[in-house]
Amino acid sequence: MKKIKSWLLRIYHVKALKYIVVTVVGFIVIGFVDENSVWHHIVNRQRISELQDEIDRYTQQNKNDQAQIKMLDSDPKAIKKIARERYFMKADDEDIFVLSDDPKNGKSILNDETVE
């Protein structure tokens, strides 16, 4: 305890040193420790940028979906096209072959459930 007291007294007697110490501690608090620090502002700006990109992506997806809804309301052939492409529905006189891009991982074709 006596060493700490003597160390603080030395700092107190050197006038420029105490101002430097207070300034350095202030910069550390402002830069990193405080809730409104520079570091938090940088992190928050990055997060805002990511969220803005996400908003833009969802806005574009919403526009595409709205256009597709309008197309489905106006064109009955579009309903058939969606049913065939997404849900693999077919007419009575058609056969559908689904081709997969999945890599083969050593399974034999006999164990594949899609083969009939």
PDB file of N, CA and C in Angstrom:
ATOM      1  N   MET A   1       0.824  -1.186   0.000  1.00  0.00           N
ATOM      2  CA  MET A   1       0.000   0.000   0.000  1.00  0.00           C
ATOM      3  C   MET A   1       0.872   1.255   0.000  1.00  0.00           C
ATOM      4  N   LYS A   2       1.967   1.179   0.717  1.00  0.00           N
ATOM      5  CA  LYS A   2       2.876   2.324   0.811  1.00  0.00           C
ATOM      6  C   LYS A   2       3.539   2.606  -0.537  1.00  0.00           C
ATOM      7  N   LYS A   3       3.815   1.531  -1.287  1.00  0.00           N
ATOM      8  CA  LYS A   3       4.423   1.703  -2.609  1.00  0.00           C
ATOM      9  C   LYS A   3       3.461   2.402  -3.559  1.00  0.00           C
ATOM     10  N   ILE A   4       2.209   2.017  -3.479  1.00  0.00           N
ATOM     11  CA  ILE A   4       1.209   2.631  -4.353  1.00  0.00           C
ATOM     12  C   ILE A   4       1.067   4.109  -4.015  1.00  0.00           C
ATOM     13  N   LYS A   5       1.064   4.413  -2.724  1.00  0.00           N
ATOM     14  CA  LYS A   5       0.933   5.795  -2.288  1.00  0.00           C
ATOM     15  C   LYS A   5       2.127   6.631  -2.760  1.00  0.00           C
ATOM     16  N   SER A   6       3.316   6.072  -2.643  1.00  0.00           N
ATOM     17  CA  SER A   6       4.498   6.814  -3.074  1.00  0.00           C
ATOM     18  C   SER A   6       4.508   6.982  -4.597  1.00  0.00           C
ATOM     19  N   TRP A   7       4.037   5.997  -5.313  1.00  0.00           N
ATOM     20  CA  TRP A   7       3.958   6.077  -6.773  1.00  0.00           C
ATOM     21  C   TRP A   7       2.963   7.155  -7.198  1.00  0.00           C
ATOM     22  N   LEU A   8       1.799   7.213  -6.521  1.00  0.00           N
ATOM     23  CA  LEU A   8       0.809   8.233  -6.820  1.00  0.00           C
ATOM     24  C   LEU A   8       1.325   9.627  -6.476  1.00  0.00           C
ATOM     25  N   LEU A   9       2.100   9.743  -5.414  1.00  0.00           N
ATOM     26  CA  LEU A   9       2.671  11.047  -5.055  1.00  0.00           C
ATOM     27  C   LEU A   9       3.667  11.511  -6.110  1.00  0.00           C
ATOM     28  N   ARG A  10       4.442  10.606  -6.673  1.00  0.00           N
ATOM     29  CA  ARG A  10       5.374  10.979  -7.742  1.00  0.00           C
ATOM     30  C   ARG A  10       4.619  11.482  -8.974  1.00  0.00           C
ATOM     31  N   ILE A  11       3.528  10.799  -9.291  1.00  0.00           N
ATOM     32  CA  ILE A  11       2.711  11.231 -10.425  1.00  0.00           C
ATOM     33  C   ILE A  11       2.108  12.605 -10.139  1.00  0.00           C
ATOM     34  N   TYR A  12       1.703  12.823  -8.910  1.00  0.00           N
ATOM     35  CA  TYR A  12       1.083  14.085  -8.533  1.00  0.00           C
ATOM     36  C   TYR A  12       2.073  15.243  -8.632  1.00  0.00           C
ATOM     37  N   HIS A  13       3.309  15.014  -8.330  1.00  0.00           N
ATOM     38  CA  HIS A  13       4.304  16.077  -8.361  1.00  0.00           C
ATOM     39  C   HIS A  13       4.761  16.409  -9.778  1.00  0.00           C
ATOM     40  N   VAL A  14       4.695  15.467 -10.688  1.00  0.00           N
ATOM     41  CA  VAL A  14       5.031  15.756 -12.084  1.00  0.00           C
ATOM     42  C   VAL A  14       3.739  16.207 -12.755  1.00  0.00           C
ATOM     43  N   LYS A  15       3.609  17.514 -12.971  1.00  0.00           N
ATOM     44  CA  LYS A  15       2.331  18.075 -13.425  1.00  0.00           C
ATOM     45  C   LYS A  15       1.942  17.577 -14.818  1.00  0.00           C
ATOM     46  N   ALA A  16       2.842  17.525 -15.732  1.00  0.00           N
ATOM     47  CA  ALA A  16       2.524  17.101 -17.094  1.00  0.00           C
ATOM     48  C   ALA A  16       2.126  15.633 -17.127  1.00  0.00           C
ATOM     49  N   LEU A  17       2.721  14.805 -16.275  1.00  0.00           N
ATOM     50  CA  LEU A  17       2.439  13.378 -16.279  1.00  0.00           C
ATOM     51  C   LEU A  17       1.010  13.077 -15.859  1.00  0.00           C
ATOM     52  N   LYS A  18       0.487  13.811 -14.879  1.00  0.00           N
ATOM     53  CA  LYS A  18      -0.881  13.523 -14.448  1.00  0.00           C
ATOM     54  C   LYS A  18      -1.894  13.903 -15.531  1.00  0.00           C
ATOM     55  N   TYR A  19      -1.592  14.963 -16.289  1.00  0.00           N
ATOM     56  CA  TYR A  19      -2.495  15.320 -17.377  1.00  0.00           C
ATOM     57  C   TYR A  19      -2.439  14.278 -18.500  1.00  0.00           C
ATOM     58  N   ILE A  20      -1.260  13.771 -18.735  1.00  0.00           N
ATOM     59  CA  ILE A  20      -1.109  12.737 -19.756  1.00  0.00           C
ATOM     60  C   ILE A  20      -1.855  11.470 -19.353  1.00  0.00           C
ATOM     61  N   VAL A  21      -1.726  11.085 -18.078  1.00  0.00           N
ATOM     62  CA  VAL A  21      -2.404   9.873 -17.594  1.00  0.00           C
ATOM     63  C   VAL A  21      -3.915  10.046 -17.691  1.00  0.00           C
ATOM     64  N   VAL A  22      -4.432  11.197 -17.291  1.00  0.00           N
ATOM     65  CA  VAL A  22      -5.874  11.438 -17.364  1.00  0.00           C
ATOM     66  C   VAL A  22      -6.338  11.441 -18.819  1.00  0.00           C
ATOM     67  N   THR A  23      -5.554  12.011 -19.707  1.00  0.00           N
ATOM     68  CA  THR A  23      -5.910  12.038 -21.118  1.00  0.00           C
ATOM     69  C   THR A  23      -5.926  10.632 -21.712  1.00  0.00           C
ATOM     70  N   VAL A  24      -4.920   9.824 -21.396  1.00  0.00           N
ATOM     71  CA  VAL A  24      -4.859   8.450 -21.909  1.00  0.00           C
ATOM     72  C   VAL A  24      -6.025   7.629 -21.382  1.00  0.00           C
ATOM     73  N   VAL A  25      -6.323   7.755 -20.092  1.00  0.00           N
ATOM     74  CA  VAL A  25      -7.457   7.021 -19.513  1.00  0.00           C
ATOM     75  C   VAL A  25      -8.758   7.484 -20.165  1.00  0.00           C
ATOM     76  N   GLY A  26      -8.888   8.777 -20.405  1.00  0.00           N
ATOM     77  CA  GLY A  26     -10.092   9.303 -21.067  1.00  0.00           C
ATOM     78  C   GLY A  26     -10.254   8.740 -22.465  1.00  0.00           C
ATOM     79  N   PHE A  27      -9.159   8.698 -23.245  1.00  0.00           N
ATOM     80  CA  PHE A  27      -9.231   8.128 -24.590  1.00  0.00           C
ATOM     81  C   PHE A  27      -9.594   6.646 -24.547  1.00  0.00           C
ATOM     82  N   ILE A  28      -9.089   5.930 -23.588  1.00  0.00           N
ATOM     83  CA  ILE A  28      -9.421   4.501 -23.477  1.00  0.00           C
ATOM     84  C   ILE A  28     -10.902   4.336 -23.163  1.00  0.00           C
ATOM     85  N   VAL A  29     -11.423   5.146 -22.247  1.00  0.00           N
ATOM     86  CA  VAL A  29     -12.842   5.050 -21.889  1.00  0.00           C
ATOM     87  C   VAL A  29     -13.709   5.437 -23.082  1.00  0.00           C
ATOM     88  N   ILE A  30     -13.370   6.528 -23.740  1.00  0.00           N
ATOM     89  CA  ILE A  30     -14.171   6.985 -24.879  1.00  0.00           C
ATOM     90  C   ILE A  30     -14.049   6.022 -26.058  1.00  0.00           C
ATOM     91  N   GLY A  31     -12.863   5.484 -26.275  1.00  0.00           N
ATOM     92  CA  GLY A  31     -12.630   4.654 -27.453  1.00  0.00           C
ATOM     93  C   GLY A  31     -13.130   3.234 -27.342  1.00  0.00           C
ATOM     94  N   PHE A  32     -13.072   2.628 -26.153  1.00  0.00           N
ATOM     95  CA  PHE A  32     -13.340   1.189 -26.075  1.00  0.00           C
ATOM     96  C   PHE A  32     -14.319   0.776 -24.978  1.00  0.00           C
ATOM     97  N   VAL A  33     -14.316   1.426 -23.834  1.00  0.00           N
ATOM     98  CA  VAL A  33     -15.045   0.923 -22.675  1.00  0.00           C
ATOM     99  C   VAL A  33     -16.492   1.384 -22.657  1.00  0.00           C
ATOM    100  N   ASP A  34     -16.747   2.611 -22.992  1.00  0.00           N
ATOM    101  CA  ASP A  34     -18.063   3.207 -22.871  1.00  0.00           C
ATOM    102  C   ASP A  34     -19.061   2.555 -23.828  1.00  0.00           C
ATOM    103  N   GLU A  35     -20.343   2.646 -23.467  1.00  0.00           N
ATOM    104  CA  GLU A  35     -21.391   2.081 -24.315  1.00  0.00           C
ATOM    105  C   GLU A  35     -21.483   2.823 -25.646  1.00  0.00           C
ATOM    106  N   ASN A  36     -21.166   4.097 -25.652  1.00  0.00           N
ATOM    107  CA  ASN A  36     -21.199   4.908 -26.867  1.00  0.00           C
ATOM    108  C   ASN A  36     -19.798   5.128 -27.425  1.00  0.00           C
ATOM    109  N   SER A  37     -18.953   4.140 -27.299  1.00  0.00           N
ATOM    110  CA  SER A  37     -17.563   4.279 -27.710  1.00  0.00           C
ATOM    111  C   SER A  37     -17.422   4.236 -29.228  1.00  0.00           C
ATOM    112  N   VAL A  38     -16.267   4.605 -29.682  1.00  0.00           N
ATOM    113  CA  VAL A  38     -15.967   4.579 -31.117  1.00  0.00           C
ATOM    114  C   VAL A  38     -16.056   3.153 -31.644  1.00  0.00           C
ATOM    115  N   TRP A  39     -15.578   2.214 -30.864  1.00  0.00           N
ATOM    116  CA  TRP A  39     -15.618   0.802 -31.265  1.00  0.00           C
ATOM    117  C   TRP A  39     -17.064   0.347 -31.479  1.00  0.00           C
ATOM    118  N   HIS A  40     -17.954   0.711 -30.558  1.00  0.00           N
ATOM    119  CA  HIS A  40     -19.360   0.321 -30.706  1.00  0.00           C
ATOM    120  C   HIS A  40     -19.991   1.002 -31.920  1.00  0.00           C
ATOM    121  N   HIS A  41     -19.596   2.229 -32.207  1.00  0.00           N
ATOM    122  CA  HIS A  41     -20.123   2.901 -33.398  1.00  0.00           C
ATOM    123  C   HIS A  41     -19.693   2.177 -34.671  1.00  0.00           C
ATOM    124  N   ILE A  42     -18.467   1.729 -34.719  1.00  0.00           N
ATOM    125  CA  ILE A  42     -17.983   0.995 -35.898  1.00  0.00           C
ATOM    126  C   ILE A  42     -18.752  -0.314 -36.063  1.00  0.00           C
ATOM    127  N   VAL A  43     -18.933  -1.037 -34.967  1.00  0.00           N
ATOM    128  CA  VAL A  43     -19.666  -2.305 -35.016  1.00  0.00           C
ATOM    129  C   VAL A  43     -21.114  -2.062 -35.425  1.00  0.00           C
ATOM    130  N   ASN A  44     -21.717  -1.012 -34.872  1.00  0.00           N
ATOM    131  CA  ASN A  44     -23.117  -0.718 -35.213  1.00  0.00           C
ATOM    132  C   ASN A  44     -23.272  -0.307 -36.667  1.00  0.00           C
ATOM    133  N   ARG A  45     -22.334   0.456 -37.211  1.00  0.00           N
ATOM    134  CA  ARG A  45     -22.410   0.827 -38.629  1.00  0.00           C
ATOM    135  C   ARG A  45     -22.296  -0.401 -39.528  1.00  0.00           C
ATOM    136  N   GLN A  46     -21.441  -1.345 -39.151  1.00  0.00           N
ATOM    137  CA  GLN A  46     -21.313  -2.567 -39.927  1.00  0.00           C
ATOM    138  C   GLN A  46     -22.615  -3.364 -39.874  1.00  0.00           C
ATOM    139  N   ARG A  47     -23.224  -3.436 -38.703  1.00  0.00           N
ATOM    140  CA  ARG A  47     -24.489  -4.156 -38.543  1.00  0.00           C
ATOM    141  C   ARG A  47     -25.600  -3.478 -39.356  1.00  0.00           C
ATOM    142  N   ILE A  48     -25.615  -2.138 -39.356  1.00  0.00           N
ATOM    143  CA  ILE A  48     -26.607  -1.402 -40.132  1.00  0.00           C
ATOM    144  C   ILE A  48     -26.435  -1.706 -41.613  1.00  0.00           C
ATOM    145  N   SER A  49     -25.203  -1.784 -42.077  1.00  0.00           N
ATOM    146  CA  SER A  49     -24.940  -2.098 -43.481  1.00  0.00           C
ATOM    147  C   SER A  49     -25.446  -3.500 -43.830  1.00  0.00           C
ATOM    148  N   GLU A  50     -25.203  -4.462 -42.959  1.00  0.00           N
ATOM    149  CA  GLU A  50     -25.682  -5.820 -43.192  1.00  0.00           C
ATOM    150  C   GLU A  50     -27.206  -5.862 -43.220  1.00  0.00           C
ATOM    151  N   LEU A  51     -27.847  -5.153 -42.297  1.00  0.00           N
ATOM    152  CA  LEU A  51     -29.307  -5.140 -42.253  1.00  0.00           C
ATOM    153  C   LEU A  51     -29.894  -4.431 -43.472  1.00  0.00           C
ATOM    154  N   GLN A  52     -29.225  -3.388 -43.958  1.00  0.00           N
ATOM    155  CA  GLN A  52     -29.690  -2.703 -45.155  1.00  0.00           C
ATOM    156  C   GLN A  52     -29.611  -3.623 -46.369  1.00  0.00           C
ATOM    157  N   ASP A  53     -28.550  -4.411 -46.461  1.00  0.00           N
ATOM    158  CA  ASP A  53     -28.440  -5.392 -47.546  1.00  0.00           C
ATOM    159  C   ASP A  53     -29.565  -6.418 -47.466  1.00  0.00           C
ATOM    160  N   GLU A  54     -29.878  -6.843 -46.249  1.00  0.00           N
ATOM    161  CA  GLU A  54     -30.959  -7.808 -46.050  1.00  0.00           C
ATOM    162  C   GLU A  54     -32.312  -7.193 -46.438  1.00  0.00           C
ATOM    163  N   ILE A  55     -32.521  -5.925 -46.086  1.00  0.00           N
ATOM    164  CA  ILE A  55     -33.756  -5.230 -46.462  1.00  0.00           C
ATOM    165  C   ILE A  55     -33.869  -5.154 -47.975  1.00  0.00           C
ATOM    166  N   ASP A  56     -32.780  -4.812 -48.647  1.00  0.00           N
ATOM    167  CA  ASP A  56     -32.789  -4.730 -50.109  1.00  0.00           C
ATOM    168  C   ASP A  56     -33.114  -6.080 -50.740  1.00  0.00           C
ATOM    169  N   ARG A  57     -32.529  -7.156 -50.185  1.00  0.00           N
ATOM    170  CA  ARG A  57     -32.781  -8.489 -50.722  1.00  0.00           C
ATOM    171  C   ARG A  57     -34.252  -8.878 -50.549  1.00  0.00           C
ATOM    172  N   TYR A  58     -34.815  -8.603 -49.360  1.00  0.00           N
ATOM    173  CA  TYR A  58     -36.215  -8.953 -49.127  1.00  0.00           C
ATOM    174  C   TYR A  58     -37.164  -8.069 -49.945  1.00  0.00           C
ATOM    175  N   THR A  59     -36.789  -6.824 -50.167  1.00  0.00           N
ATOM    176  CA  THR A  59     -37.606  -5.946 -51.003  1.00  0.00           C
ATOM    177  C   THR A  59     -37.649  -6.473 -52.431  1.00  0.00           C
ATOM    178  N   GLN A  60     -36.503  -6.878 -52.951  1.00  0.00           N
ATOM    179  CA  GLN A  60     -36.468  -7.431 -54.309  1.00  0.00           C
ATOM    180  C   GLN A  60     -37.261  -8.735 -54.394  1.00  0.00           C
ATOM    181  N   GLN A  61     -37.140  -9.565 -53.368  1.00  0.00           N
ATOM    182  CA  GLN A  61     -37.897 -10.814 -53.344  1.00  0.00           C
ATOM    183  C   GLN A  61     -39.396 -10.527 -53.284  1.00  0.00           C
ATOM    184  N   ASN A  62     -39.786  -9.513 -52.532  1.00  0.00           N
ATOM    185  CA  ASN A  62     -41.197  -9.143 -52.444  1.00  0.00           C
ATOM    186  C   ASN A  62     -41.717  -8.653 -53.788  1.00  0.00           C
ATOM    187  N   LYS A  63     -40.924  -7.855 -54.501  1.00  0.00           N
ATOM    188  CA  LYS A  63     -41.336  -7.387 -55.822  1.00  0.00           C
ATOM    189  C   LYS A  63     -41.521  -8.557 -56.788  1.00  0.00           C
ATOM    190  N   ASN A  64     -40.585  -9.505 -56.746  1.00  0.00           N
ATOM    191  CA  ASN A  64     -40.698 -10.687 -57.616  1.00  0.00           C
ATOM    192  C   ASN A  64     -41.942 -11.503 -57.277  1.00  0.00           C
ATOM    193  N   ASP A  65     -42.207 -11.668 -55.994  1.00  0.00           N
ATOM    194  CA  ASP A  65     -43.389 -12.433 -55.578  1.00  0.00           C
ATOM    195  C   ASP A  65     -44.681 -11.724 -55.962  1.00  0.00           C
ATOM    196  N   GLN A  66     -44.707 -10.394 -55.825  1.00  0.00           N
ATOM    197  CA  GLN A  66     -45.906  -9.644 -56.216  1.00  0.00           C
ATOM    198  C   GLN A  66     -46.154  -9.758 -57.724  1.00  0.00           C
ATOM    199  N   ALA A  67     -45.082  -9.703 -58.503  1.00  0.00           N
ATOM    200  CA  ALA A  67     -45.224  -9.853 -59.956  1.00  0.00           C
ATOM    201  C   ALA A  67     -45.720 -11.254 -60.296  1.00  0.00           C
ATOM    202  N   GLN A  68     -45.230 -12.248 -59.575  1.00  0.00           N
ATOM    203  CA  GLN A  68     -45.664 -13.620 -59.837  1.00  0.00           C
ATOM    204  C   GLN A  68     -47.132 -13.805 -59.435  1.00  0.00           C
ATOM    205  N   ILE A  69     -47.557 -13.170 -58.357  1.00  0.00           N
ATOM    206  CA  ILE A  69     -48.967 -13.258 -57.949  1.00  0.00           C
ATOM    207  C   ILE A  69     -49.864 -12.631 -59.005  1.00  0.00           C
ATOM    208  N   LYS A  70     -49.462 -11.471 -59.529  1.00  0.00           N
ATOM    209  CA  LYS A  70     -50.249 -10.829 -60.584  1.00  0.00           C
ATOM    210  C   LYS A  70     -50.319 -11.716 -61.816  1.00  0.00           C
ATOM    211  N   MET A  71     -49.195 -12.360 -62.151  1.00  0.00           N
ATOM    212  CA  MET A  71     -49.163 -13.244 -63.308  1.00  0.00           C
ATOM    213  C   MET A  71     -50.079 -14.448 -63.077  1.00  0.00           C
ATOM    214  N   LEU A  72     -50.093 -14.997 -61.878  1.00  0.00           N
ATOM    215  CA  LEU A  72     -50.942 -16.153 -61.581  1.00  0.00           C
ATOM    216  C   LEU A  72     -52.421 -15.777 -61.612  1.00  0.00           C
ATOM    217  N   ASP A  73     -52.739 -14.546 -61.196  1.00  0.00           N
ATOM    218  CA  ASP A  73     -54.133 -14.111 -61.233  1.00  0.00           C
ATOM    219  C   ASP A  73     -54.632 -13.900 -62.658  1.00  0.00           C
ATOM    220  N   SER A  74     -53.745 -13.501 -63.560  1.00  0.00           N
ATOM    221  CA  SER A  74     -54.184 -13.155 -64.904  1.00  0.00           C
ATOM    222  C   SER A  74     -54.014 -14.281 -65.930  1.00  0.00           C
ATOM    223  N   ASP A  75     -53.108 -15.216 -65.710  1.00  0.00           N
ATOM    224  CA  ASP A  75     -52.790 -16.218 -66.716  1.00  0.00           C
ATOM    225  C   ASP A  75     -52.954 -17.632 -66.148  1.00  0.00           C
ATOM    226  N   PRO A  76     -53.951 -18.401 -66.612  1.00  0.00           N
ATOM    227  CA  PRO A  76     -54.130 -19.760 -66.085  1.00  0.00           C
ATOM    228  C   PRO A  76     -53.002 -20.713 -66.495  1.00  0.00           C
ATOM    229  N   LYS A  77     -52.294 -20.412 -67.590  1.00  0.00           N
ATOM    230  CA  LYS A  77     -51.174 -21.261 -67.983  1.00  0.00           C
ATOM    231  C   LYS A  77     -50.011 -21.137 -66.999  1.00  0.00           C
ATOM    232  N   ALA A  78     -49.927 -20.003 -66.333  1.00  0.00           N
ATOM    233  CA  ALA A  78     -48.862 -19.801 -65.355  1.00  0.00           C
ATOM    234  C   ALA A  78     -49.040 -20.733 -64.155  1.00  0.00           C
ATOM    235  N   ILE A  79     -50.275 -20.998 -63.783  1.00  0.00           N
ATOM    236  CA  ILE A  79     -50.537 -21.922 -62.669  1.00  0.00           C
ATOM    237  C   ILE A  79     -50.037 -23.314 -63.031  1.00  0.00           C
ATOM    238  N   LYS A  80     -50.306 -23.748 -64.265  1.00  0.00           N
ATOM    239  CA  LYS A  80     -49.815 -25.054 -64.700  1.00  0.00           C
ATOM    240  C   LYS A  80     -48.289 -25.099 -64.706  1.00  0.00           C
ATOM    241  N   LYS A  81     -47.686 -24.019 -65.155  1.00  0.00           N
ATOM    242  CA  LYS A  81     -46.223 -23.965 -65.200  1.00  0.00           C
ATOM    243  C   LYS A  81     -45.621 -24.071 -63.799  1.00  0.00           C
ATOM    244  N   ILE A  82     -46.166 -23.349 -62.844  1.00  0.00           N
ATOM    245  CA  ILE A  82     -45.674 -23.403 -61.459  1.00  0.00           C
ATOM    246  C   ILE A  82     -45.893 -24.799 -60.882  1.00  0.00           C
ATOM    247  N   ALA A  83     -47.060 -25.374 -61.133  1.00  0.00           N
ATOM    248  CA  ALA A  83     -47.356 -26.708 -60.604  1.00  0.00           C
ATOM    249  C   ALA A  83     -46.391 -27.748 -61.171  1.00  0.00           C
ATOM    250  N   ARG A  84     -46.038 -27.631 -62.431  1.00  0.00           N
ATOM    251  CA  ARG A  84     -45.126 -28.595 -63.038  1.00  0.00           C
ATOM    252  C   ARG A  84     -43.692 -28.400 -62.555  1.00  0.00           C
ATOM    253  N   GLU A  85     -43.244 -27.135 -62.461  1.00  0.00           N
ATOM    254  CA  GLU A  85     -41.840 -26.880 -62.119  1.00  0.00           C
ATOM    255  C   GLU A  85     -41.554 -27.085 -60.628  1.00  0.00           C
ATOM    256  N   ARG A  86     -42.428 -26.596 -59.786  1.00  0.00           N
ATOM    257  CA  ARG A  86     -42.138 -26.644 -58.350  1.00  0.00           C
ATOM    258  C   ARG A  86     -42.630 -27.912 -57.671  1.00  0.00           C
ATOM    259  N   TYR A  87     -43.810 -28.358 -58.056  1.00  0.00           N
ATOM    260  CA  TYR A  87     -44.439 -29.461 -57.333  1.00  0.00           C
ATOM    261  C   TYR A  87     -44.466 -30.761 -58.121  1.00  0.00           C
ATOM    262  N   PHE A  88     -43.820 -30.768 -59.274  1.00  0.00           N
ATOM    263  CA  PHE A  88     -43.681 -31.965 -60.107  1.00  0.00           C
ATOM    264  C   PHE A  88     -45.025 -32.621 -60.427  1.00  0.00           C
ATOM    265  N   MET A  89     -46.047 -31.806 -60.637  1.00  0.00           N
ATOM    266  CA  MET A  89     -47.352 -32.326 -61.042  1.00  0.00           C
ATOM    267  C   MET A  89     -47.320 -32.559 -62.542  1.00  0.00           C
ATOM    268  N   LYS A  90     -48.194 -33.456 -62.997  1.00  0.00           N
ATOM    269  CA  LYS A  90     -48.172 -33.810 -64.411  1.00  0.00           C
ATOM    270  C   LYS A  90     -49.585 -34.052 -64.896  1.00  0.00           C
ATOM    271  N   ALA A  91     -49.697 -34.038 -66.202  1.00  0.00           N
ATOM    272  CA  ALA A  91     -50.966 -34.403 -66.825  1.00  0.00           C
ATOM    273  C   ALA A  91     -51.036 -35.931 -66.882  1.00  0.00           C
ATOM    274  N   ASP A  92     -52.218 -36.450 -67.203  1.00  0.00           N
ATOM    275  CA  ASP A  92     -52.407 -37.908 -67.199  1.00  0.00           C
ATOM    276  C   ASP A  92     -51.553 -38.611 -68.246  1.00  0.00           C
ATOM    277  N   ASP A  93     -51.273 -37.966 -69.350  1.00  0.00           N
ATOM    278  CA  ASP A  93     -50.545 -38.641 -70.419  1.00  0.00           C
ATOM    279  C   ASP A  93     -49.050 -38.299 -70.429  1.00  0.00           C
ATOM    280  N   GLU A  94     -48.507 -37.808 -69.320  1.00  0.00           N
ATOM    281  CA  GLU A  94     -47.107 -37.411 -69.269  1.00  0.00           C
ATOM    282  C   GLU A  94     -46.321 -38.258 -68.264  1.00  0.00           C
ATOM    283  N   ASP A  95     -45.023 -38.324 -68.500  1.00  0.00           N
ATOM    284  CA  ASP A  95     -44.095 -38.913 -67.537  1.00  0.00           C
ATOM    285  C   ASP A  95     -43.094 -37.840 -67.146  1.00  0.00           C
ATOM    286  N   ILE A  96     -42.717 -37.825 -65.888  1.00  0.00           N
ATOM    287  CA  ILE A  96     -41.770 -36.811 -65.400  1.00  0.00           C
ATOM    288  C   ILE A  96     -40.496 -37.518 -64.958  1.00  0.00           C
ATOM    289  N   PHE A  97     -39.383 -36.977 -65.397  1.00  0.00           N
ATOM    290  CA  PHE A  97     -38.076 -37.467 -64.977  1.00  0.00           C
ATOM    291  C   PHE A  97     -37.377 -36.340 -64.226  1.00  0.00           C
ATOM    292  N   VAL A  98     -37.041 -36.601 -62.978  1.00  0.00           N
ATOM    293  CA  VAL A  98     -36.355 -35.609 -62.152  1.00  0.00           C
ATOM    294  C   VAL A  98     -34.878 -35.939 -62.153  1.00  0.00           C
ATOM    295  N   LEU A  99     -34.072 -35.002 -62.618  1.00  0.00           N
ATOM    296  CA  LEU A  99     -32.628 -35.186 -62.660  1.00  0.00           C
ATOM    297  C   LEU A  99     -32.008 -34.435 -61.488  1.00  0.00           C
ATOM    298  N   SER A 100     -31.138 -35.094 -60.784  1.00  0.00           N
ATOM    299  CA  SER A 100     -30.539 -34.494 -59.598  1.00  0.00           C
ATOM    300  C   SER A 100     -29.073 -34.177 -59.848  1.00  0.00           C
ATOM    301  N   ASP A 101     -28.616 -33.084 -59.277  1.00  0.00           N
ATOM    302  CA  ASP A 101     -27.214 -32.704 -59.352  1.00  0.00           C
ATOM    303  C   ASP A 101     -26.447 -33.121 -58.098  1.00  0.00           C
ATOM    304  N   ASP A 102     -27.075 -33.901 -57.229  1.00  0.00           N
ATOM    305  CA  ASP A 102     -26.418 -34.333 -55.991  1.00  0.00           C
ATOM    306  C   ASP A 102     -25.262 -35.266 -56.314  1.00  0.00           C
ATOM    307  N   PRO A 103     -24.144 -35.104 -55.618  1.00  0.00           N
ATOM    308  CA  PRO A 103     -22.997 -35.992 -55.877  1.00  0.00           C
ATOM    309  C   PRO A 103     -23.268 -37.402 -55.358  1.00  0.00           C
ATOM    310  N   LYS A 104     -22.725 -38.349 -56.056  1.00  0.00           N
ATOM    311  CA  LYS A 104     -22.839 -39.747 -55.627  1.00  0.00           C
ATOM    312  C   LYS A 104     -21.886 -39.964 -54.462  1.00  0.00           C
ATOM    313  N   ASN A 105     -22.371 -40.561 -53.404  1.00  0.00           N
ATOM    314  CA  ASN A 105     -21.510 -40.795 -52.250  1.00  0.00           C
ATOM    315  C   ASN A 105     -21.375 -42.286 -51.956  1.00  0.00           C
ATOM    316  N   GLY A 106     -21.247 -43.068 -52.982  1.00  0.00           N
ATOM    317  CA  GLY A 106     -20.955 -44.477 -52.820  1.00  0.00           C
ATOM    318  C   GLY A 106     -22.175 -45.365 -52.665  1.00  0.00           C
ATOM    319  N   LYS A 107     -23.386 -44.812 -52.678  1.00  0.00           N
ATOM    320  CA  LYS A 107     -24.568 -45.653 -52.549  1.00  0.00           C
ATOM    321  C   LYS A 107     -24.867 -46.327 -53.888  1.00  0.00           C
ATOM    322  N   SER A 108     -25.316 -47.519 -53.815  1.00  0.00           N
ATOM    323  CA  SER A 108     -25.673 -48.194 -55.063  1.00  0.00           C
ATOM    324  C   SER A 108     -27.048 -47.721 -55.512  1.00  0.00           C
ATOM    325  N   ILE A 109     -27.321 -47.907 -56.761  1.00  0.00           N
ATOM    326  CA  ILE A 109     -28.598 -47.451 -57.327  1.00  0.00           C
ATOM    327  C   ILE A 109     -29.755 -48.293 -56.801  1.00  0.00           C
ATOM    328  N   LEU A 110     -29.486 -49.479 -56.295  1.00  0.00           N
ATOM    329  CA  LEU A 110     -30.550 -50.331 -55.774  1.00  0.00           C
ATOM    330  C   LEU A 110     -31.076 -49.794 -54.448  1.00  0.00           C
ATOM    331  N   ASN A 111     -30.290 -49.071 -53.704  1.00  0.00           N
ATOM    332  CA  ASN A 111     -30.717 -48.521 -52.428  1.00  0.00           C
ATOM    333  C   ASN A 111     -31.432 -47.186 -52.579  1.00  0.00           C
ATOM    334  N   ASP A 112     -31.484 -46.649 -53.778  1.00  0.00           N
ATOM    335  CA  ASP A 112     -32.093 -45.358 -54.021  1.00  0.00           C
ATOM    336  C   ASP A 112     -33.605 -45.519 -54.053  1.00  0.00           C
ATOM    337  N   GLU A 113     -34.325 -44.738 -53.251  1.00  0.00           N
ATOM    338  CA  GLU A 113     -35.761 -44.872 -53.151  1.00  0.00           C
ATOM    339  C   GLU A 113     -36.488 -44.316 -54.363  1.00  0.00           C
ATOM    340  N   THR A 114     -35.834 -43.450 -55.135  1.00  0.00           N
ATOM    341  CA  THR A 114     -36.526 -42.835 -56.264  1.00  0.00           C
ATOM    342  C   THR A 114     -36.577 -43.742 -57.493  1.00  0.00           C
ATOM    343  N   VAL A 115     -35.835 -44.808 -57.498  1.00  0.00           N
ATOM    344  CA  VAL A 115     -35.840 -45.726 -58.630  1.00  0.00           C
ATOM    345  C   VAL A 115     -36.999 -46.698 -58.453  1.00  0.00           C
ATOM    346  N   GLU A 116     -37.807 -46.804 -59.504  1.00  0.00           N
ATOM    347  CA  GLU A 116     -38.934 -47.742 -59.434  1.00  0.00           C
ATOM    348  C   GLU A 116     -38.841 -48.767 -60.518  1.00  0.00           C
TER     349      GLU A 116
END
